[in-house]
Amino acid sequence: ELSVAFVSGATAYFAAAHYQWEEALLFLSVLLASNNG
C-alpha cells in the first residue's frame, strides 16, 4: 500500500508540475491520487 500510494503520488506530482499547477492544487492532486492508488 505504501509503494502504490507513493508511485501514484509521484505520478500526480510530476503531472501537476508539468502543467504548472499552483502548489495547493499540486498537493491536492497528490493526496487524491495516492489515496486512490
PDB file of all heavy atoms in Angstrom:
ATOM      1  N   GLU A   1       0.825  -1.214   0.000  1.00  0.00           N
ATOM      2  CA  GLU A   1       0.000   0.000   0.000  1.00  0.00           C
ATOM      3  C   GLU A   1       0.857   1.261   0.000  1.00  0.00           C
ATOM      4  O   GLU A   1       0.551   2.225  -0.700  1.00  0.00           O
ATOM      5  CB  GLU A   1      -0.956   0.017   1.193  1.00  0.00           C
ATOM      6  CG  GLU A   1      -2.087  -0.980   1.103  1.00  0.00           C
ATOM      7  CD  GLU A   1      -2.986  -0.766  -0.107  1.00  0.00           C
ATOM      8  OE1 GLU A   1      -3.164   0.390  -0.550  1.00  0.00           O
ATOM      9  OE2 GLU A   1      -3.526  -1.766  -0.600  1.00  0.00           O
ATOM     10  N   LEU A   2       1.952   1.246   0.769  1.00  0.00           N
ATOM     11  CA  LEU A   2       2.858   2.398   0.769  1.00  0.00           C
ATOM     12  C   LEU A   2       3.467   2.612  -0.606  1.00  0.00           C
ATOM     13  O   LEU A   2       3.552   3.747  -1.093  1.00  0.00           O
ATOM     14  CB  LEU A   2       3.979   2.203   1.796  1.00  0.00           C
ATOM     15  CG  LEU A   2       3.651   2.453   3.247  1.00  0.00           C
ATOM     16  CD1 LEU A   2       4.902   2.268   4.100  1.00  0.00           C
ATOM     17  CD2 LEU A   2       3.081   3.833   3.466  1.00  0.00           C
ATOM     18  N   SER A   3       3.891   1.532  -1.250  1.00  0.00           N
ATOM     19  CA  SER A   3       4.522   1.638  -2.570  1.00  0.00           C
ATOM     20  C   SER A   3       3.548   2.156  -3.619  1.00  0.00           C
ATOM     21  O   SER A   3       3.890   3.042  -4.413  1.00  0.00           O
ATOM     22  CB  SER A   3       5.065   0.279  -3.012  1.00  0.00           C
ATOM     23  OG  SER A   3       6.027  -0.184  -2.098  1.00  0.00           O
ATOM     24  N   VAL A   4       2.358   1.608  -3.627  1.00  0.00           N
ATOM     25  CA  VAL A   4       1.355   2.035  -4.604  1.00  0.00           C
ATOM     26  C   VAL A   4       0.981   3.500  -4.383  1.00  0.00           C
ATOM     27  O   VAL A   4       0.874   4.277  -5.339  1.00  0.00           O
ATOM     28  CB  VAL A   4       0.105   1.128  -4.533  1.00  0.00           C
ATOM     29  CG1 VAL A   4      -1.045   1.701  -5.339  1.00  0.00           C
ATOM     30  CG2 VAL A   4       0.443  -0.274  -5.020  1.00  0.00           C
ATOM     31  N   ALA A   5       0.821   3.893  -3.126  1.00  0.00           N
ATOM     32  CA  ALA A   5       0.485   5.287  -2.815  1.00  0.00           C
ATOM     33  C   ALA A   5       1.621   6.216  -3.226  1.00  0.00           C
ATOM     34  O   ALA A   5       1.385   7.299  -3.777  1.00  0.00           O
ATOM     35  CB  ALA A   5       0.189   5.439  -1.326  1.00  0.00           C
ATOM     36  N   PHE A   6       2.862   5.806  -2.986  1.00  0.00           N
ATOM     37  CA  PHE A   6       3.996   6.647  -3.341  1.00  0.00           C
ATOM     38  C   PHE A   6       4.110   6.813  -4.852  1.00  0.00           C
ATOM     39  O   PHE A   6       4.307   7.927  -5.350  1.00  0.00           O
ATOM     40  CB  PHE A   6       5.296   6.071  -2.779  1.00  0.00           C
ATOM     41  CG  PHE A   6       6.475   6.950  -3.038  1.00  0.00           C
ATOM     42  CD1 PHE A   6       6.688   8.086  -2.280  1.00  0.00           C
ATOM     43  CD2 PHE A   6       7.352   6.669  -4.071  1.00  0.00           C
ATOM     44  CE1 PHE A   6       7.763   8.921  -2.531  1.00  0.00           C
ATOM     45  CE2 PHE A   6       8.431   7.494  -4.333  1.00  0.00           C
ATOM     46  CZ  PHE A   6       8.644   8.625  -3.557  1.00  0.00           C
ATOM     47  N   VAL A   7       3.966   5.729  -5.596  1.00  0.00           N
ATOM     48  CA  VAL A   7       4.037   5.810  -7.058  1.00  0.00           C
ATOM     49  C   VAL A   7       2.907   6.676  -7.602  1.00  0.00           C
ATOM     50  O   VAL A   7       3.126   7.519  -8.480  1.00  0.00           O
ATOM     51  CB  VAL A   7       4.005   4.395  -7.684  1.00  0.00           C
ATOM     52  CG1 VAL A   7       3.784   4.452  -9.182  1.00  0.00           C
ATOM     53  CG2 VAL A   7       5.301   3.657  -7.358  1.00  0.00           C
ATOM     54  N   SER A   8       1.709   6.504  -7.076  1.00  0.00           N
ATOM     55  CA  SER A   8       0.574   7.316  -7.524  1.00  0.00           C
ATOM     56  C   SER A   8       0.766   8.783  -7.179  1.00  0.00           C
ATOM     57  O   SER A   8       0.499   9.668  -7.997  1.00  0.00           O
ATOM     58  CB  SER A   8      -0.720   6.821  -6.883  1.00  0.00           C
ATOM     59  OG  SER A   8      -0.967   5.500  -7.266  1.00  0.00           O
ATOM     60  N   GLY A   9       1.249   9.061  -5.977  1.00  0.00           N
ATOM     61  CA  GLY A   9       1.514  10.436  -5.578  1.00  0.00           C
ATOM     62  C   GLY A   9       2.607  11.083  -6.411  1.00  0.00           C
ATOM     63  O   GLY A   9       2.500  12.249  -6.798  1.00  0.00           O
ATOM     64  N   ALA A  10       3.662  10.323  -6.701  1.00  0.00           N
ATOM     65  CA  ALA A  10       4.747  10.849  -7.540  1.00  0.00           C
ATOM     66  C   ALA A  10       4.254  11.128  -8.953  1.00  0.00           C
ATOM     67  O   ALA A  10       4.620  12.144  -9.563  1.00  0.00           O
ATOM     68  CB  ALA A  10       5.914   9.868  -7.562  1.00  0.00           C
ATOM     69  N   THR A  11       3.402  10.259  -9.466  1.00  0.00           N
ATOM     70  CA  THR A  11       2.830  10.478 -10.798  1.00  0.00           C
ATOM     71  C   THR A  11       2.013  11.763 -10.820  1.00  0.00           C
ATOM     72  O   THR A  11       2.132  12.572 -11.744  1.00  0.00           O
ATOM     73  CB  THR A  11       1.951   9.278 -11.202  1.00  0.00           C
ATOM     74  OG1 THR A  11       2.747   8.091 -11.172  1.00  0.00           O
ATOM     75  CG2 THR A  11       1.353   9.468 -12.572  1.00  0.00           C
ATOM     76  N   ALA A  12       1.182  11.953  -9.799  1.00  0.00           N
ATOM     77  CA  ALA A  12       0.386  13.180  -9.713  1.00  0.00           C
ATOM     78  C   ALA A  12       1.275  14.400  -9.562  1.00  0.00           C
ATOM     79  O   ALA A  12       1.015  15.451 -10.158  1.00  0.00           O
ATOM     80  CB  ALA A  12      -0.594  13.085  -8.542  1.00  0.00           C
ATOM     81  N   TYR A  13       2.333  14.277  -8.779  1.00  0.00           N
ATOM     82  CA  TYR A  13       3.268  15.395  -8.579  1.00  0.00           C
ATOM     83  C   TYR A  13       3.884  15.823  -9.910  1.00  0.00           C
ATOM     84  O   TYR A  13       3.886  17.005 -10.251  1.00  0.00           O
ATOM     85  CB  TYR A  13       4.371  14.993  -7.591  1.00  0.00           C
ATOM     86  CG  TYR A  13       5.456  16.029  -7.476  1.00  0.00           C
ATOM     87  CD1 TYR A  13       5.327  17.085  -6.586  1.00  0.00           C
ATOM     88  CD2 TYR A  13       6.590  15.976  -8.271  1.00  0.00           C
ATOM     89  CE1 TYR A  13       6.307  18.052  -6.486  1.00  0.00           C
ATOM     90  CE2 TYR A  13       7.578  16.937  -8.182  1.00  0.00           C
ATOM     91  CZ  TYR A  13       7.436  17.966  -7.294  1.00  0.00           C
ATOM     92  OH  TYR A  13       8.402  18.933  -7.200  1.00  0.00           O
ATOM     93  N   PHE A  14       4.398  14.861 -10.658  1.00  0.00           N
ATOM     94  CA  PHE A  14       5.056  15.202 -11.914  1.00  0.00           C
ATOM     95  C   PHE A  14       4.068  15.709 -12.961  1.00  0.00           C
ATOM     96  O   PHE A  14       4.400  16.591 -13.752  1.00  0.00           O
ATOM     97  CB  PHE A  14       5.866  14.020 -12.436  1.00  0.00           C
ATOM     98  CG  PHE A  14       7.094  13.760 -11.617  1.00  0.00           C
ATOM     99  CD1 PHE A  14       7.242  12.569 -10.939  1.00  0.00           C
ATOM    100  CD2 PHE A  14       8.083  14.722 -11.497  1.00  0.00           C
ATOM    101  CE1 PHE A  14       8.370  12.330 -10.167  1.00  0.00           C
ATOM    102  CE2 PHE A  14       9.213  14.494 -10.733  1.00  0.00           C
ATOM    103  CZ  PHE A  14       9.358  13.294 -10.063  1.00  0.00           C
ATOM    104  N   ALA A  15       2.848  15.168 -12.958  1.00  0.00           N
ATOM    105  CA  ALA A  15       1.835  15.670 -13.888  1.00  0.00           C
ATOM    106  C   ALA A  15       1.463  17.113 -13.539  1.00  0.00           C
ATOM    107  O   ALA A  15       1.378  17.973 -14.423  1.00  0.00           O
ATOM    108  CB  ALA A  15       0.594  14.782 -13.856  1.00  0.00           C
ATOM    109  N   ALA A  16       1.262  17.387 -12.263  1.00  0.00           N
ATOM    110  CA  ALA A  16       0.917  18.744 -11.833  1.00  0.00           C
ATOM    111  C   ALA A  16       2.062  19.716 -12.096  1.00  0.00           C
ATOM    112  O   ALA A  16       1.838  20.862 -12.499  1.00  0.00           O
ATOM    113  CB  ALA A  16       0.550  18.749 -10.351  1.00  0.00           C
ATOM    114  N   ALA A  17       3.285  19.268 -11.884  1.00  0.00           N
ATOM    115  CA  ALA A  17       4.443  20.120 -12.168  1.00  0.00           C
ATOM    116  C   ALA A  17       4.555  20.394 -13.666  1.00  0.00           C
ATOM    117  O   ALA A  17       4.866  21.515 -14.086  1.00  0.00           O
ATOM    118  CB  ALA A  17       5.718  19.469 -11.649  1.00  0.00           C
ATOM    119  N   HIS A  18       4.265  19.384 -14.473  1.00  0.00           N
ATOM    120  CA  HIS A  18       4.326  19.558 -15.927  1.00  0.00           C
ATOM    121  C   HIS A  18       3.307  20.597 -16.405  1.00  0.00           C
ATOM    122  O   HIS A  18       3.613  21.424 -17.254  1.00  0.00           O
ATOM    123  CB  HIS A  18       4.068  18.221 -16.617  1.00  0.00           C
ATOM    124  CG  HIS A  18       3.969  18.331 -18.102  1.00  0.00           C
ATOM    125  ND1 HIS A  18       5.059  18.557 -18.905  1.00  0.00           N
ATOM    126  CD2 HIS A  18       2.900  18.271 -18.934  1.00  0.00           C
ATOM    127  CE1 HIS A  18       4.672  18.627 -20.172  1.00  0.00           C
ATOM    128  NE2 HIS A  18       3.362  18.450 -20.210  1.00  0.00           N
ATOM    129  N   TYR A  19       2.105  20.551 -15.838  1.00  0.00           N
ATOM    130  CA  TYR A  19       1.062  21.503 -16.222  1.00  0.00           C
ATOM    131  C   TYR A  19       1.150  22.810 -15.444  1.00  0.00           C
ATOM    132  O   TYR A  19       0.302  23.680 -15.605  1.00  0.00           O
ATOM    133  CB  TYR A  19      -0.325  20.877 -16.050  1.00  0.00           C
ATOM    134  CG  TYR A  19      -0.585  19.793 -17.073  1.00  0.00           C
ATOM    135  CD1 TYR A  19      -0.720  18.467 -16.682  1.00  0.00           C
ATOM    136  CD2 TYR A  19      -0.684  20.096 -18.421  1.00  0.00           C
ATOM    137  CE1 TYR A  19      -0.950  17.470 -17.620  1.00  0.00           C
ATOM    138  CE2 TYR A  19      -0.911  19.111 -19.366  1.00  0.00           C
ATOM    139  CZ  TYR A  19      -1.047  17.799 -18.953  1.00  0.00           C
ATOM    140  OH  TYR A  19      -1.258  16.817 -19.878  1.00  0.00           O
ATOM    141  N   GLN A  20       2.136  22.935 -14.569  1.00  0.00           N
ATOM    142  CA  GLN A  20       2.415  24.139 -13.795  1.00  0.00           C
ATOM    143  C   GLN A  20       1.215  24.584 -12.963  1.00  0.00           C
ATOM    144  O   GLN A  20       0.840  25.754 -12.948  1.00  0.00           O
ATOM    145  CB  GLN A  20       2.904  25.268 -14.704  1.00  0.00           C
ATOM    146  CG  GLN A  20       4.191  24.928 -15.407  1.00  0.00           C
ATOM    147  CD  GLN A  20       4.657  26.025 -16.343  1.00  0.00           C
ATOM    148  OE1 GLN A  20       3.925  26.952 -16.649  1.00  0.00           O
ATOM    149  NE2 GLN A  20       5.887  25.905 -16.795  1.00  0.00           N
ATOM    150  N   TRP A  21       0.627  23.624 -12.254  1.00  0.00           N
ATOM    151  CA  TRP A  21      -0.467  23.932 -11.363  1.00  0.00           C
ATOM    152  C   TRP A  21       0.060  24.656 -10.138  1.00  0.00           C
ATOM    153  O   TRP A  21       1.229  24.532  -9.783  1.00  0.00           O
ATOM    154  CB  TRP A  21      -1.176  22.665 -10.923  1.00  0.00           C
ATOM    155  CG  TRP A  21      -1.968  21.999 -12.016  1.00  0.00           C
ATOM    156  CD1 TRP A  21      -2.196  22.470 -13.270  1.00  0.00           C
ATOM    157  CD2 TRP A  21      -2.597  20.736 -11.938  1.00  0.00           C
ATOM    158  NE1 TRP A  21      -2.954  21.588 -13.981  1.00  0.00           N
ATOM    159  CE2 TRP A  21      -3.214  20.509 -13.187  1.00  0.00           C
ATOM    160  CE3 TRP A  21      -2.716  19.782 -10.949  1.00  0.00           C
ATOM    161  CZ2 TRP A  21      -3.942  19.362 -13.452  1.00  0.00           C
ATOM    162  CZ3 TRP A  21      -3.434  18.639 -11.223  1.00  0.00           C
ATOM    163  CH2 TRP A  21      -4.044  18.438 -12.458  1.00  0.00           C
ATOM    164  N   GLU A  22      -0.809  25.382  -9.464  1.00  0.00           N
ATOM    165  CA  GLU A  22      -0.440  26.032  -8.214  1.00  0.00           C
ATOM    166  C   GLU A  22      -0.093  24.961  -7.176  1.00  0.00           C
ATOM    167  O   GLU A  22      -0.554  23.826  -7.251  1.00  0.00           O
ATOM    168  CB  GLU A  22      -1.597  26.879  -7.699  1.00  0.00           C
ATOM    169  CG  GLU A  22      -1.924  28.057  -8.578  1.00  0.00           C
ATOM    170  CD  GLU A  22      -3.075  28.864  -8.014  1.00  0.00           C
ATOM    171  OE1 GLU A  22      -3.352  28.757  -6.802  1.00  0.00           O
ATOM    172  OE2 GLU A  22      -3.694  29.589  -8.794  1.00  0.00           O
ATOM    173  N   GLU A  23       0.707  25.375  -6.204  1.00  0.00           N
ATOM    174  CA  GLU A  23       1.204  24.413  -5.219  1.00  0.00           C
ATOM    175  C   GLU A  23       0.076  23.729  -4.447  1.00  0.00           C
ATOM    176  O   GLU A  23       0.114  22.519  -4.223  1.00  0.00           O
ATOM    177  CB  GLU A  23       2.161  25.111  -4.265  1.00  0.00           C
ATOM    178  CG  GLU A  23       3.005  24.160  -3.460  1.00  0.00           C
ATOM    179  CD  GLU A  23       4.072  24.884  -2.669  1.00  0.00           C
ATOM    180  OE1 GLU A  23       3.726  25.736  -1.832  1.00  0.00           O
ATOM    181  OE2 GLU A  23       5.248  24.597  -2.907  1.00  0.00           O
ATOM    182  N   ALA A  24      -0.942  24.467  -4.055  1.00  0.00           N
ATOM    183  CA  ALA A  24      -2.059  23.866  -3.312  1.00  0.00           C
ATOM    184  C   ALA A  24      -2.777  22.820  -4.156  1.00  0.00           C
ATOM    185  O   ALA A  24      -3.140  21.739  -3.665  1.00  0.00           O
ATOM    186  CB  ALA A  24      -3.038  24.946  -2.869  1.00  0.00           C
ATOM    187  N   LEU A  25      -2.969  23.104  -5.427  1.00  0.00           N
ATOM    188  CA  LEU A  25      -3.610  22.148  -6.327  1.00  0.00           C
ATOM    189  C   LEU A  25      -2.713  20.934  -6.552  1.00  0.00           C
ATOM    190  O   LEU A  25      -3.203  19.802  -6.654  1.00  0.00           O
ATOM    191  CB  LEU A  25      -3.944  22.834  -7.652  1.00  0.00           C
ATOM    192  CG  LEU A  25      -4.837  22.077  -8.616  1.00  0.00           C
ATOM    193  CD1 LEU A  25      -6.151  21.686  -7.953  1.00  0.00           C
ATOM    194  CD2 LEU A  25      -5.111  22.933  -9.839  1.00  0.00           C
ATOM    195  N   LEU A  26      -1.414  21.157  -6.602  1.00  0.00           N
ATOM    196  CA  LEU A  26      -0.461  20.060  -6.726  1.00  0.00           C
ATOM    197  C   LEU A  26      -0.601  19.106  -5.538  1.00  0.00           C
ATOM    198  O   LEU A  26      -0.709  17.893  -5.719  1.00  0.00           O
ATOM    199  CB  LEU A  26       0.965  20.609  -6.788  1.00  0.00           C
ATOM    200  CG  LEU A  26       2.087  19.585  -6.858  1.00  0.00           C
ATOM    201  CD1 LEU A  26       3.171  20.063  -7.797  1.00  0.00           C
ATOM    202  CD2 LEU A  26       2.667  19.325  -5.496  1.00  0.00           C
ATOM    203  N   PHE A  27      -0.636  19.666  -4.320  1.00  0.00           N
ATOM    204  CA  PHE A  27      -0.759  18.821  -3.132  1.00  0.00           C
ATOM    205  C   PHE A  27      -2.103  18.100  -3.098  1.00  0.00           C
ATOM    206  O   PHE A  27      -2.183  16.944  -2.680  1.00  0.00           O
ATOM    207  CB  PHE A  27      -0.552  19.639  -1.863  1.00  0.00           C
ATOM    208  CG  PHE A  27       0.854  20.127  -1.669  1.00  0.00           C
ATOM    209  CD1 PHE A  27       1.095  21.381  -1.162  1.00  0.00           C
ATOM    210  CD2 PHE A  27       1.936  19.334  -2.010  1.00  0.00           C
ATOM    211  CE1 PHE A  27       2.395  21.830  -0.975  1.00  0.00           C
ATOM    212  CE2 PHE A  27       3.238  19.770  -1.839  1.00  0.00           C
ATOM    213  CZ  PHE A  27       3.470  21.024  -1.320  1.00  0.00           C
ATOM    214  N   LEU A  28      -3.151  18.766  -3.543  1.00  0.00           N
ATOM    215  CA  LEU A  28      -4.461  18.119  -3.599  1.00  0.00           C
ATOM    216  C   LEU A  28      -4.435  16.940  -4.570  1.00  0.00           C
ATOM    217  O   LEU A  28      -4.952  15.862  -4.270  1.00  0.00           O
ATOM    218  CB  LEU A  28      -5.540  19.127  -4.023  1.00  0.00           C
ATOM    219  CG  LEU A  28      -6.948  18.562  -4.174  1.00  0.00           C
ATOM    220  CD1 LEU A  28      -7.467  18.037  -2.838  1.00  0.00           C
ATOM    221  CD2 LEU A  28      -7.882  19.618  -4.734  1.00  0.00           C
ATOM    222  N   SER A  29      -3.814  17.124  -5.725  1.00  0.00           N
ATOM    223  CA  SER A  29      -3.731  16.029  -6.695  1.00  0.00           C
ATOM    224  C   SER A  29      -2.906  14.869  -6.148  1.00  0.00           C
ATOM    225  O   SER A  29      -3.238  13.705  -6.385  1.00  0.00           O
ATOM    226  CB  SER A  29      -3.174  16.521  -8.030  1.00  0.00           C
ATOM    227  OG  SER A  29      -1.826  16.896  -7.905  1.00  0.00           O
ATOM    228  N   VAL A  30      -1.847  15.175  -5.408  1.00  0.00           N
ATOM    229  CA  VAL A  30      -1.036  14.117  -4.784  1.00  0.00           C
ATOM    230  C   VAL A  30      -1.880  13.338  -3.781  1.00  0.00           C
ATOM    231  O   VAL A  30      -1.863  12.099  -3.765  1.00  0.00           O
ATOM    232  CB  VAL A  30       0.225  14.713  -4.115  1.00  0.00           C
ATOM    233  CG1 VAL A  30       0.897  13.698  -3.196  1.00  0.00           C
ATOM    234  CG2 VAL A  30       1.203  15.205  -5.162  1.00  0.00           C
ATOM    235  N   LEU A  31      -2.640  14.043  -2.950  1.00  0.00           N
ATOM    236  CA  LEU A  31      -3.494  13.373  -1.961  1.00  0.00           C
ATOM    237  C   LEU A  31      -4.565  12.508  -2.626  1.00  0.00           C
ATOM    238  O   LEU A  31      -4.779  11.359  -2.231  1.00  0.00           O
ATOM    239  CB  LEU A  31      -4.167  14.401  -1.053  1.00  0.00           C
ATOM    240  CG  LEU A  31      -3.350  14.892   0.119  1.00  0.00           C
ATOM    241  CD1 LEU A  31      -4.072  16.038   0.814  1.00  0.00           C
ATOM    242  CD2 LEU A  31      -3.061  13.780   1.088  1.00  0.00           C
ATOM    243  N   LEU A  32      -5.218  13.054  -3.628  1.00  0.00           N
ATOM    244  CA  LEU A  32      -6.277  12.290  -4.308  1.00  0.00           C
ATOM    245  C   LEU A  32      -5.725  11.056  -5.006  1.00  0.00           C
ATOM    246  O   LEU A  32      -6.297   9.973  -4.924  1.00  0.00           O
ATOM    247  CB  LEU A  32      -7.016  13.180  -5.300  1.00  0.00           C
ATOM    248  CG  LEU A  32      -7.899  14.268  -4.696  1.00  0.00           C
ATOM    249  CD1 LEU A  32      -8.461  15.162  -5.792  1.00  0.00           C
ATOM    250  CD2 LEU A  32      -9.015  13.658  -3.873  1.00  0.00           C
ATOM    251  N   ALA A  33      -4.616  11.232  -5.700  1.00  0.00           N
ATOM    252  CA  ALA A  33      -4.035  10.103  -6.427  1.00  0.00           C
ATOM    253  C   ALA A  33      -3.506   9.033  -5.481  1.00  0.00           C
ATOM    254  O   ALA A  33      -3.733   7.841  -5.690  1.00  0.00           O
ATOM    255  CB  ALA A  33      -2.917  10.598  -7.345  1.00  0.00           C
ATOM    256  N   SER A  34      -2.807   9.449  -4.437  1.00  0.00           N
ATOM    257  CA  SER A  34      -2.219   8.465  -3.533  1.00  0.00           C
ATOM    258  C   SER A  34      -3.276   7.785  -2.670  1.00  0.00           C
ATOM    259  O   SER A  34      -3.112   6.627  -2.297  1.00  0.00           O
ATOM    260  CB  SER A  34      -1.138   9.104  -2.668  1.00  0.00           C
ATOM    261  OG  SER A  34      -1.657  10.151  -1.891  1.00  0.00           O
ATOM    262  N   ASN A  35      -4.357   8.463  -2.388  1.00  0.00           N
ATOM    263  CA  ASN A  35      -5.428   7.841  -1.617  1.00  0.00           C
ATOM    264  C   ASN A  35      -6.201   6.828  -2.454  1.00  0.00           C
ATOM    265  O   ASN A  35      -6.798   5.901  -1.922  1.00  0.00           O
ATOM    266  CB  ASN A  35      -6.383   8.903  -1.063  1.00  0.00           C
ATOM    267  CG  ASN A  35      -7.233   8.366   0.051  1.00  0.00           C
ATOM    268  OD1 ASN A  35      -6.768   7.622   0.887  1.00  0.00           O
ATOM    269  ND2 ASN A  35      -8.489   8.747   0.053  1.00  0.00           N
ATOM    270  N   ASN A  36      -6.184   6.998  -3.750  1.00  0.00           N
ATOM    271  CA  ASN A  36      -6.826   6.060  -4.681  1.00  0.00           C
ATOM    272  C   ASN A  36      -5.746   5.392  -5.531  1.00  0.00           C
ATOM    273  O   ASN A  36      -5.848   5.335  -6.753  1.00  0.00           O
ATOM    274  CB  ASN A  36      -7.830   6.791  -5.569  1.00  0.00           C
ATOM    275  CG  ASN A  36      -8.928   7.418  -4.762  1.00  0.00           C
ATOM    276  OD1 ASN A  36      -9.580   6.747  -3.987  1.00  0.00           O
ATOM    277  ND2 ASN A  36      -9.121   8.712  -4.917  1.00  0.00           N
ATOM    278  N   GLY A  37      -4.718   4.903  -4.883  1.00  0.00           N
ATOM    279  CA  GLY A  37      -3.523   4.417  -5.559  1.00  0.00           C
ATOM    280  C   GLY A  37      -3.768   3.337  -6.595  1.00  0.00           C
ATOM    281  O   GLY A  37      -3.280   3.413  -7.718  1.00  0.00           O
TER     282      GLY A  37
END
